[in-house]
Amino acid sequence: MLNKKVQDAINAQINAEFWSAYLYLSMSAYANAQGYKGMANWFEVQYQEELDHVKIFFDYILQRNGKVELQPIKKVPTEWTSPLNLFEETLKHEQVVTGLINNLYSLSLAENDFATQSMLKWFIDEQVEEEENAQDIIDKLKIIGDNGYGIYTLDKDLSTRVYTQAAPLTANN
């Protein structure tokens, strides 16, 4: 049986992951409206990945005979000032999510919940990758500056990103 404190914290994380998905869908819509189809695609893939994270946490609670309690999703931003601003906000958001995952891990340590610690290790590694990906795009955008061809090329590059189902979900299929 899942510890109640851990269950409540994972339910809060499910809400945070839904909010993240909603944020990335909003960023995709914004990028698309600005003519950045590749960036819109990049954020669409982020949206899909966040939904995978929801499902992993959702399934985990059920596997541990816990209770999933879905909460309302708060409003997300809908406007940004530039492609650089989009990705700087993405990095800030991913750093917040990293903190949330670390807090969950700390709670699972305090509660001697070894199964949850094991499950969370994938998320810890995933967050390193998420932050690195956002930082890489920020670095490129800073190099590009206002160079229209550079932005066009990066946008075209980002259009090639494809969604791949999260490993913990493929292992269960």
N, C-alpha and C. Protein backbone atom coordinates (compact mmCIF):
# COMPACT_ATOMS: atom_id res chain seq x y z
N MET A 1 0.85 -1.19 0.00
CA MET A 1 0.00 0.00 0.00
C MET A 1 0.89 1.25 0.00
N LEU A 2 0.45 2.22 -0.73
CA LEU A 2 1.20 3.46 -0.85
C LEU A 2 1.00 4.33 0.39
N ASN A 3 2.09 4.83 0.92
CA ASN A 3 2.07 5.75 2.06
C ASN A 3 1.21 6.97 1.70
N LYS A 4 0.34 7.41 2.61
CA LYS A 4 -0.58 8.52 2.34
C LYS A 4 0.15 9.82 2.01
N LYS A 5 1.22 10.13 2.73
CA LYS A 5 1.99 11.35 2.43
C LYS A 5 2.57 11.30 1.02
N VAL A 6 3.11 10.15 0.67
CA VAL A 6 3.69 9.98 -0.66
C VAL A 6 2.59 10.03 -1.72
N GLN A 7 1.48 9.37 -1.45
CA GLN A 7 0.35 9.39 -2.38
C GLN A 7 -0.11 10.82 -2.64
N ASP A 8 -0.28 11.61 -1.59
CA ASP A 8 -0.72 13.00 -1.75
C ASP A 8 0.30 13.81 -2.57
N ALA A 9 1.56 13.57 -2.31
CA ALA A 9 2.61 14.29 -3.04
C ALA A 9 2.63 13.88 -4.52
N ILE A 10 2.42 12.62 -4.80
CA ILE A 10 2.39 12.18 -6.20
C ILE A 10 1.14 12.72 -6.89
N ASN A 11 0.02 12.78 -6.19
CA ASN A 11 -1.17 13.39 -6.77
C ASN A 11 -0.92 14.86 -7.10
N ALA A 12 -0.21 15.56 -6.24
CA ALA A 12 0.16 16.96 -6.53
C ALA A 12 1.08 17.01 -7.75
N GLN A 13 1.96 16.03 -7.88
CA GLN A 13 2.86 15.99 -9.03
C GLN A 13 2.08 15.71 -10.32
N ILE A 14 1.08 14.88 -10.23
CA ILE A 14 0.23 14.65 -11.41
C ILE A 14 -0.36 15.97 -11.88
N ASN A 15 -0.84 16.78 -10.95
CA ASN A 15 -1.39 18.09 -11.31
C ASN A 15 -0.32 18.97 -11.94
N ALA A 16 0.88 18.95 -11.37
CA ALA A 16 1.99 19.75 -11.92
C ALA A 16 2.36 19.28 -13.32
N GLU A 17 2.31 17.99 -13.56
CA GLU A 17 2.64 17.46 -14.89
C GLU A 17 1.55 17.82 -15.90
N PHE A 18 0.28 17.78 -15.48
CA PHE A 18 -0.80 18.24 -16.36
C PHE A 18 -0.61 19.72 -16.68
N TRP A 19 -0.25 20.52 -15.67
CA TRP A 19 -0.02 21.95 -15.89
C TRP A 19 1.12 22.15 -16.88
N SER A 20 2.17 21.35 -16.74
CA SER A 20 3.30 21.42 -17.67
C SER A 20 2.85 21.12 -19.09
N ALA A 21 2.03 20.09 -19.24
CA ALA A 21 1.52 19.74 -20.57
C ALA A 21 0.72 20.90 -21.14
N TYR A 22 -0.12 21.47 -20.32
CA TYR A 22 -0.95 22.61 -20.74
C TYR A 22 -0.08 23.80 -21.11
N LEU A 23 0.98 24.06 -20.34
CA LEU A 23 1.91 25.14 -20.64
C LEU A 23 2.56 24.92 -22.00
N TYR A 24 3.04 23.70 -22.25
CA TYR A 24 3.73 23.44 -23.51
C TYR A 24 2.76 23.48 -24.69
N LEU A 25 1.53 23.11 -24.48
CA LEU A 25 0.54 23.24 -25.54
C LEU A 25 0.28 24.71 -25.85
N SER A 26 0.25 25.54 -24.80
CA SER A 26 0.09 26.98 -24.97
C SER A 26 1.29 27.56 -25.71
N MET A 27 2.49 27.13 -25.35
CA MET A 27 3.70 27.60 -26.03
C MET A 27 3.70 27.17 -27.49
N SER A 28 3.21 25.96 -27.77
CA SER A 28 3.11 25.49 -29.14
C SER A 28 2.16 26.37 -29.94
N ALA A 29 1.02 26.69 -29.36
CA ALA A 29 0.04 27.55 -30.04
C ALA A 29 0.63 28.93 -30.32
N TYR A 30 1.34 29.48 -29.34
CA TYR A 30 1.97 30.79 -29.51
C TYR A 30 3.02 30.75 -30.63
N ALA A 31 3.90 29.75 -30.59
CA ALA A 31 4.95 29.64 -31.61
C ALA A 31 4.33 29.48 -32.99
N ASN A 32 3.30 28.68 -33.08
CA ASN A 32 2.62 28.47 -34.35
C ASN A 32 2.04 29.78 -34.87
N ALA A 33 1.39 30.55 -33.99
CA ALA A 33 0.79 31.83 -34.39
C ALA A 33 1.85 32.83 -34.85
N GLN A 34 3.07 32.69 -34.34
CA GLN A 34 4.16 33.59 -34.73
C GLN A 34 4.87 33.13 -36.00
N GLY A 35 4.47 31.99 -36.52
CA GLY A 35 5.07 31.47 -37.74
C GLY A 35 6.24 30.53 -37.52
N TYR A 36 6.49 30.16 -36.27
CA TYR A 36 7.59 29.26 -35.94
C TYR A 36 7.04 27.83 -35.84
N LYS A 37 6.83 27.21 -36.98
CA LYS A 37 6.22 25.88 -37.02
C LYS A 37 7.11 24.82 -36.38
N GLY A 38 8.43 24.96 -36.54
CA GLY A 38 9.35 23.99 -35.94
C GLY A 38 9.34 24.09 -34.42
N MET A 39 9.35 25.31 -33.91
CA MET A 39 9.27 25.50 -32.45
C MET A 39 7.93 24.99 -31.93
N ALA A 40 6.87 25.24 -32.69
CA ALA A 40 5.54 24.73 -32.31
C ALA A 40 5.59 23.21 -32.20
N ASN A 41 6.26 22.57 -33.14
CA ASN A 41 6.41 21.11 -33.11
C ASN A 41 7.19 20.68 -31.87
N TRP A 42 8.28 21.39 -31.57
CA TRP A 42 9.10 21.05 -30.41
C TRP A 42 8.26 21.08 -29.13
N PHE A 43 7.44 22.12 -28.99
CA PHE A 43 6.59 22.24 -27.81
C PHE A 43 5.46 21.21 -27.81
N GLU A 44 4.98 20.84 -28.98
CA GLU A 44 3.96 19.79 -29.08
C GLU A 44 4.52 18.47 -28.57
N VAL A 45 5.76 18.18 -28.92
CA VAL A 45 6.40 16.95 -28.41
C VAL A 45 6.56 17.05 -26.89
N GLN A 46 6.94 18.23 -26.39
CA GLN A 46 7.05 18.42 -24.94
C GLN A 46 5.70 18.13 -24.27
N TYR A 47 4.64 18.64 -24.87
CA TYR A 47 3.28 18.41 -24.37
C TYR A 47 3.01 16.90 -24.25
N GLN A 48 3.32 16.16 -25.30
CA GLN A 48 3.07 14.72 -25.29
C GLN A 48 3.91 14.01 -24.22
N GLU A 49 5.15 14.46 -24.06
CA GLU A 49 6.00 13.87 -23.03
C GLU A 49 5.45 14.11 -21.63
N GLU A 50 4.92 15.29 -21.41
CA GLU A 50 4.35 15.60 -20.09
C GLU A 50 3.15 14.71 -19.80
N LEU A 51 2.35 14.44 -20.82
CA LEU A 51 1.22 13.53 -20.63
C LEU A 51 1.71 12.12 -20.29
N ASP A 52 2.85 11.71 -20.85
CA ASP A 52 3.45 10.44 -20.46
C ASP A 52 3.82 10.46 -18.97
N HIS A 53 4.36 11.58 -18.52
CA HIS A 53 4.74 11.68 -17.10
C HIS A 53 3.51 11.54 -16.22
N VAL A 54 2.42 12.18 -16.62
CA VAL A 54 1.16 12.04 -15.88
C VAL A 54 0.79 10.57 -15.77
N LYS A 55 0.84 9.87 -16.90
CA LYS A 55 0.42 8.47 -16.95
C LYS A 55 1.32 7.59 -16.09
N ILE A 56 2.60 7.87 -16.07
CA ILE A 56 3.52 7.08 -15.24
C ILE A 56 3.15 7.23 -13.76
N PHE A 57 2.96 8.47 -13.32
CA PHE A 57 2.57 8.70 -11.92
C PHE A 57 1.19 8.11 -11.62
N PHE A 58 0.26 8.30 -12.52
CA PHE A 58 -1.11 7.78 -12.39
C PHE A 58 -1.07 6.26 -12.21
N ASP A 59 -0.39 5.59 -13.13
CA ASP A 59 -0.29 4.13 -13.07
C ASP A 59 0.40 3.67 -11.80
N TYR A 60 1.43 4.41 -11.38
CA TYR A 60 2.17 4.02 -10.18
C TYR A 60 1.27 4.04 -8.94
N ILE A 61 0.48 5.09 -8.80
CA ILE A 61 -0.45 5.15 -7.65
C ILE A 61 -1.38 3.95 -7.67
N LEU A 62 -1.92 3.64 -8.84
CA LEU A 62 -2.85 2.50 -8.94
C LEU A 62 -2.14 1.18 -8.67
N GLN A 63 -0.91 1.02 -9.14
CA GLN A 63 -0.14 -0.21 -8.90
C GLN A 63 0.10 -0.43 -7.42
N ARG A 64 0.19 0.66 -6.68
CA ARG A 64 0.47 0.58 -5.24
C ARG A 64 -0.82 0.60 -4.41
N ASN A 65 -1.96 0.37 -5.07
CA ASN A 65 -3.27 0.36 -4.41
C ASN A 65 -3.62 1.68 -3.76
N GLY A 66 -3.15 2.75 -4.36
CA GLY A 66 -3.46 4.09 -3.87
C GLY A 66 -4.66 4.67 -4.59
N LYS A 67 -4.94 5.90 -4.26
CA LYS A 67 -6.09 6.60 -4.85
C LYS A 67 -5.60 7.81 -5.63
N VAL A 68 -5.94 7.86 -6.91
CA VAL A 68 -5.62 9.02 -7.74
C VAL A 68 -6.69 10.08 -7.49
N GLU A 69 -6.24 11.29 -7.20
CA GLU A 69 -7.17 12.41 -6.97
C GLU A 69 -6.76 13.56 -7.89
N LEU A 70 -7.49 13.68 -9.01
CA LEU A 70 -7.19 14.73 -9.97
C LEU A 70 -7.75 16.06 -9.50
N GLN A 71 -6.95 17.10 -9.70
CA GLN A 71 -7.32 18.45 -9.27
C GLN A 71 -7.43 19.36 -10.49
N PRO A 72 -8.10 20.51 -10.34
CA PRO A 72 -8.18 21.46 -11.46
C PRO A 72 -6.78 21.95 -11.86
N ILE A 73 -6.65 22.27 -13.13
CA ILE A 73 -5.39 22.78 -13.67
C ILE A 73 -5.48 24.30 -13.72
N LYS A 74 -4.51 24.97 -13.12
CA LYS A 74 -4.48 26.44 -13.13
C LYS A 74 -4.17 26.96 -14.52
N LYS A 75 -4.57 28.18 -14.75
CA LYS A 75 -4.34 28.86 -16.02
C LYS A 75 -2.84 28.97 -16.30
N VAL A 76 -2.48 28.87 -17.57
CA VAL A 76 -1.08 29.00 -17.99
C VAL A 76 -0.91 30.29 -18.80
N PRO A 77 0.32 30.79 -18.91
CA PRO A 77 0.56 31.95 -19.77
C PRO A 77 0.25 31.64 -21.23
N THR A 78 -0.03 32.68 -21.99
CA THR A 78 -0.34 32.51 -23.41
C THR A 78 0.48 33.44 -24.31
N GLU A 79 1.30 34.29 -23.72
CA GLU A 79 2.08 35.26 -24.49
C GLU A 79 3.53 35.25 -24.03
N TRP A 80 4.43 35.37 -25.00
CA TRP A 80 5.85 35.51 -24.75
C TRP A 80 6.38 36.59 -25.68
N THR A 81 7.59 37.03 -25.46
CA THR A 81 8.09 38.17 -26.23
C THR A 81 8.97 37.78 -27.42
N SER A 82 9.48 36.55 -27.41
CA SER A 82 10.41 36.13 -28.47
C SER A 82 10.67 34.64 -28.34
N PRO A 83 11.27 34.05 -29.37
CA PRO A 83 11.68 32.65 -29.23
C PRO A 83 12.62 32.43 -28.04
N LEU A 84 13.55 33.37 -27.83
CA LEU A 84 14.46 33.24 -26.69
C LEU A 84 13.68 33.24 -25.38
N ASN A 85 12.71 34.13 -25.26
CA ASN A 85 11.89 34.20 -24.06
C ASN A 85 11.12 32.89 -23.83
N LEU A 86 10.61 32.28 -24.92
CA LEU A 86 9.92 30.99 -24.81
C LEU A 86 10.81 29.94 -24.16
N PHE A 87 12.03 29.85 -24.65
CA PHE A 87 12.91 28.79 -24.16
C PHE A 87 13.53 29.13 -22.79
N GLU A 88 13.72 30.42 -22.50
CA GLU A 88 14.16 30.79 -21.15
C GLU A 88 13.08 30.42 -20.14
N GLU A 89 11.83 30.65 -20.48
CA GLU A 89 10.73 30.27 -19.59
C GLU A 89 10.62 28.75 -19.49
N THR A 90 10.92 28.06 -20.57
CA THR A 90 10.93 26.59 -20.54
C THR A 90 11.98 26.10 -19.55
N LEU A 91 13.18 26.65 -19.61
CA LEU A 91 14.24 26.24 -18.69
C LEU A 91 13.85 26.54 -17.25
N LYS A 92 13.34 27.73 -16.99
CA LYS A 92 12.89 28.06 -15.62
C LYS A 92 11.85 27.06 -15.14
N HIS A 93 10.91 26.74 -16.02
CA HIS A 93 9.86 25.79 -15.64
C HIS A 93 10.45 24.41 -15.34
N GLU A 94 11.36 23.95 -16.19
CA GLU A 94 11.96 22.64 -15.97
C GLU A 94 12.77 22.61 -14.68
N GLN A 95 13.39 23.72 -14.32
CA GLN A 95 14.11 23.79 -13.05
C GLN A 95 13.15 23.67 -11.86
N VAL A 96 11.97 24.25 -11.99
CA VAL A 96 10.94 24.10 -10.95
C VAL A 96 10.52 22.64 -10.85
N VAL A 97 10.29 22.02 -12.00
CA VAL A 97 9.89 20.61 -12.00
C VAL A 97 10.98 19.74 -11.39
N THR A 98 12.23 20.03 -11.69
CA THR A 98 13.34 19.30 -11.07
C THR A 98 13.25 19.40 -9.55
N GLY A 99 12.97 20.59 -9.05
CA GLY A 99 12.80 20.76 -7.60
C GLY A 99 11.66 19.93 -7.05
N LEU A 100 10.56 19.88 -7.78
CA LEU A 100 9.41 19.08 -7.34
C LEU A 100 9.76 17.59 -7.29
N ILE A 101 10.46 17.11 -8.31
CA ILE A 101 10.87 15.70 -8.34
C ILE A 101 11.85 15.42 -7.20
N ASN A 102 12.79 16.33 -6.98
CA ASN A 102 13.74 16.15 -5.88
C ASN A 102 13.02 16.12 -4.54
N ASN A 103 12.01 16.97 -4.38
CA ASN A 103 11.23 16.96 -3.13
C ASN A 103 10.48 15.65 -2.94
N LEU A 104 9.95 15.11 -4.03
CA LEU A 104 9.28 13.81 -3.96
C LEU A 104 10.27 12.72 -3.53
N TYR A 105 11.45 12.77 -4.11
CA TYR A 105 12.47 11.79 -3.77
C TYR A 105 12.86 11.92 -2.29
N SER A 106 13.04 13.15 -1.83
CA SER A 106 13.38 13.37 -0.42
C SER A 106 12.29 12.83 0.49
N LEU A 107 11.04 13.04 0.13
CA LEU A 107 9.92 12.52 0.91
C LEU A 107 9.95 10.99 0.93
N SER A 108 10.20 10.40 -0.23
CA SER A 108 10.23 8.93 -0.28
C SER A 108 11.39 8.38 0.56
N LEU A 109 12.49 9.12 0.63
CA LEU A 109 13.59 8.73 1.51
C LEU A 109 13.17 8.80 2.98
N ALA A 110 12.55 9.91 3.34
CA ALA A 110 12.12 10.12 4.73
C ALA A 110 11.09 9.08 5.16
N GLU A 111 10.27 8.64 4.21
CA GLU A 111 9.22 7.67 4.52
C GLU A 111 9.66 6.22 4.28
N ASN A 112 10.95 6.03 3.97
CA ASN A 112 11.48 4.69 3.68
C ASN A 112 10.66 3.97 2.61
N ASP A 113 10.26 4.71 1.60
CA ASP A 113 9.46 4.16 0.50
C ASP A 113 10.41 3.84 -0.65
N PHE A 114 10.96 2.64 -0.62
CA PHE A 114 11.99 2.25 -1.57
C PHE A 114 11.43 2.08 -2.99
N ALA A 115 10.21 1.62 -3.11
CA ALA A 115 9.60 1.45 -4.44
C ALA A 115 9.45 2.81 -5.13
N THR A 116 9.01 3.81 -4.39
CA THR A 116 8.85 5.14 -4.97
C THR A 116 10.21 5.72 -5.33
N GLN A 117 11.20 5.49 -4.50
CA GLN A 117 12.55 5.95 -4.83
C GLN A 117 13.01 5.35 -6.16
N SER A 118 12.76 4.09 -6.34
CA SER A 118 13.14 3.42 -7.58
C SER A 118 12.43 4.02 -8.79
N MET A 119 11.13 4.25 -8.67
CA MET A 119 10.35 4.83 -9.75
C MET A 119 10.83 6.23 -10.09
N LEU A 120 11.19 7.00 -9.07
CA LEU A 120 11.57 8.39 -9.28
C LEU A 120 12.94 8.55 -9.94
N LYS A 121 13.77 7.54 -9.89
CA LYS A 121 15.10 7.66 -10.49
C LYS A 121 15.01 7.97 -11.98
N TRP A 122 14.03 7.40 -12.68
CA TRP A 122 13.85 7.71 -14.10
C TRP A 122 13.55 9.20 -14.28
N PHE A 123 12.71 9.75 -13.41
CA PHE A 123 12.35 11.16 -13.51
C PHE A 123 13.54 12.07 -13.21
N ILE A 124 14.38 11.67 -12.28
CA ILE A 124 15.57 12.46 -11.96
C ILE A 124 16.47 12.55 -13.19
N ASP A 125 16.70 11.43 -13.84
CA ASP A 125 17.51 11.42 -15.06
C ASP A 125 16.82 12.21 -16.17
N GLU A 126 15.53 12.09 -16.29
CA GLU A 126 14.75 12.80 -17.31
C GLU A 126 14.88 14.31 -17.13
N GLN A 127 14.88 14.78 -15.90
CA GLN A 127 14.97 16.22 -15.66
C GLN A 127 16.33 16.78 -16.05
N VAL A 128 17.38 16.01 -15.87
CA VAL A 128 18.70 16.45 -16.34
C VAL A 128 18.64 16.68 -17.85
N GLU A 129 18.04 15.75 -18.56
CA GLU A 129 17.91 15.85 -20.01
C GLU A 129 17.02 17.04 -20.41
N GLU A 130 15.92 17.24 -19.70
CA GLU A 130 15.00 18.34 -20.01
C GLU A 130 15.70 19.70 -19.88
N GLU A 131 16.42 19.88 -18.79
CA GLU A 131 17.13 21.14 -18.58
C GLU A 131 18.22 21.32 -19.63
N GLU A 132 18.94 20.27 -19.93
CA GLU A 132 20.02 20.35 -20.93
C GLU A 132 19.46 20.73 -22.31
N ASN A 133 18.35 20.12 -22.70
CA ASN A 133 17.75 20.42 -24.01
C ASN A 133 17.32 21.88 -24.10
N ALA A 134 16.67 22.39 -23.08
CA ALA A 134 16.25 23.79 -23.09
C ALA A 134 17.46 24.72 -23.13
N GLN A 135 18.47 24.42 -22.33
CA GLN A 135 19.68 25.26 -22.30
C GLN A 135 20.38 25.26 -23.65
N ASP A 136 20.41 24.12 -24.30
CA ASP A 136 21.05 24.02 -25.62
C ASP A 136 20.36 24.95 -26.63
N ILE A 137 19.05 24.98 -26.61
CA ILE A 137 18.32 25.85 -27.55
C ILE A 137 18.53 27.31 -27.18
N ILE A 138 18.54 27.63 -25.89
CA ILE A 138 18.82 29.00 -25.44
C ILE A 138 20.19 29.44 -25.95
N ASP A 139 21.19 28.58 -25.77
CA ASP A 139 22.55 28.91 -26.22
C ASP A 139 22.57 29.19 -27.73
N LYS A 140 21.87 28.37 -28.50
CA LYS A 140 21.81 28.58 -29.95
C LYS A 140 21.12 29.90 -30.28
N LEU A 141 20.02 30.19 -29.61
CA LEU A 141 19.30 31.43 -29.87
C LEU A 141 20.14 32.66 -29.51
N LYS A 142 20.94 32.55 -28.47
CA LYS A 142 21.82 33.67 -28.11
C LYS A 142 22.90 33.87 -29.16
N ILE A 143 23.42 32.80 -29.70
CA ILE A 143 24.42 32.91 -30.78
C ILE A 143 23.77 33.51 -32.02
N ILE A 144 22.58 33.07 -32.34
CA ILE A 144 21.86 33.52 -33.54
C ILE A 144 21.49 35.00 -33.43
N GLY A 145 21.07 35.42 -32.24
CA GLY A 145 20.64 36.80 -32.06
C GLY A 145 19.46 37.13 -32.96
N ASP A 146 19.57 38.22 -33.71
CA ASP A 146 18.48 38.67 -34.59
C ASP A 146 18.66 38.18 -36.03
N ASN A 147 19.56 37.26 -36.25
CA ASN A 147 19.82 36.77 -37.60
C ASN A 147 18.62 35.94 -38.08
N GLY A 148 17.87 36.48 -38.99
CA GLY A 148 16.67 35.82 -39.50
C GLY A 148 16.93 34.46 -40.09
N TYR A 149 18.02 34.33 -40.84
CA TYR A 149 18.34 33.03 -41.43
C TYR A 149 18.68 32.02 -40.34
N GLY A 150 19.38 32.47 -39.30
CA GLY A 150 19.71 31.58 -38.19
C GLY A 150 18.47 31.09 -37.47
N ILE A 151 17.53 31.99 -37.24
CA ILE A 151 16.27 31.60 -36.58
C ILE A 151 15.49 30.65 -37.48
N TYR A 152 15.46 30.96 -38.78
CA TYR A 152 14.78 30.08 -39.75
C TYR A 152 15.40 28.68 -39.70
N THR A 153 16.72 28.61 -39.69
CA THR A 153 17.42 27.32 -39.69
C THR A 153 17.14 26.55 -38.40
N LEU A 154 17.20 27.23 -37.26
CA LEU A 154 16.91 26.57 -35.99
C LEU A 154 15.47 26.08 -35.97
N ASP A 155 14.55 26.92 -36.44
CA ASP A 155 13.14 26.53 -36.47
C ASP A 155 12.96 25.27 -37.33
N LYS A 156 13.64 25.26 -38.46
CA LYS A 156 13.56 24.09 -39.34
C LYS A 156 14.12 22.85 -38.64
N ASP A 157 15.21 23.03 -37.92
CA ASP A 157 15.83 21.95 -37.15
C ASP A 157 14.86 21.39 -36.11
N LEU A 158 14.17 22.28 -35.41
CA LEU A 158 13.26 21.86 -34.35
C LEU A 158 12.02 21.15 -34.90
N SER A 159 11.75 21.35 -36.18
CA SER A 159 10.60 20.67 -36.79
C SER A 159 10.83 19.18 -36.95
N THR A 160 12.08 18.73 -36.83
CA THR A 160 12.38 17.31 -37.02
C THR A 160 12.22 16.49 -35.74
N ARG A 161 11.97 17.14 -34.63
CA ARG A 161 11.82 16.42 -33.37
C ARG A 161 10.55 15.56 -33.43
N VAL A 162 10.68 14.32 -32.99
CA VAL A 162 9.53 13.42 -32.98
C VAL A 162 9.29 12.89 -31.57
N TYR A 163 8.05 12.61 -31.30
CA TYR A 163 7.64 12.07 -30.02
C TYR A 163 8.03 10.60 -29.92
N THR A 164 8.60 10.23 -28.79
CA THR A 164 8.88 8.85 -28.47
C THR A 164 8.30 8.58 -27.09
N GLN A 165 7.50 7.54 -26.98
CA GLN A 165 6.87 7.23 -25.70
C GLN A 165 7.92 7.01 -24.62
N ALA A 166 7.64 7.50 -23.43
CA ALA A 166 8.55 7.37 -22.30
C ALA A 166 8.85 5.90 -21.99
N ALA A 167 10.09 5.61 -21.69
CA ALA A 167 10.54 4.23 -21.45
C ALA A 167 9.71 3.49 -20.40
N PRO A 168 9.35 4.13 -19.26
CA PRO A 168 8.55 3.37 -18.30
C PRO A 168 7.19 2.91 -18.84
N LEU A 169 6.66 3.62 -19.82
CA LEU A 169 5.38 3.21 -20.41
C LEU A 169 5.57 2.11 -21.43
N THR A 170 6.67 2.14 -22.16
CA THR A 170 6.90 1.08 -23.16
C THR A 170 7.23 -0.24 -22.47
N ALA A 171 7.82 -0.16 -21.28
CA ALA A 171 8.14 -1.38 -20.53
C ALA A 171 6.88 -2.08 -20.04
N ASN A 172 5.80 -1.31 -19.86
CA ASN A 172 4.55 -1.89 -19.36
C ASN A 172 3.66 -2.43 -20.46
N ASN A 173 4.02 -2.18 -21.70
CA ASN A 173 3.16 -2.63 -22.83
C ASN A 173 3.58 -3.99 -23.33
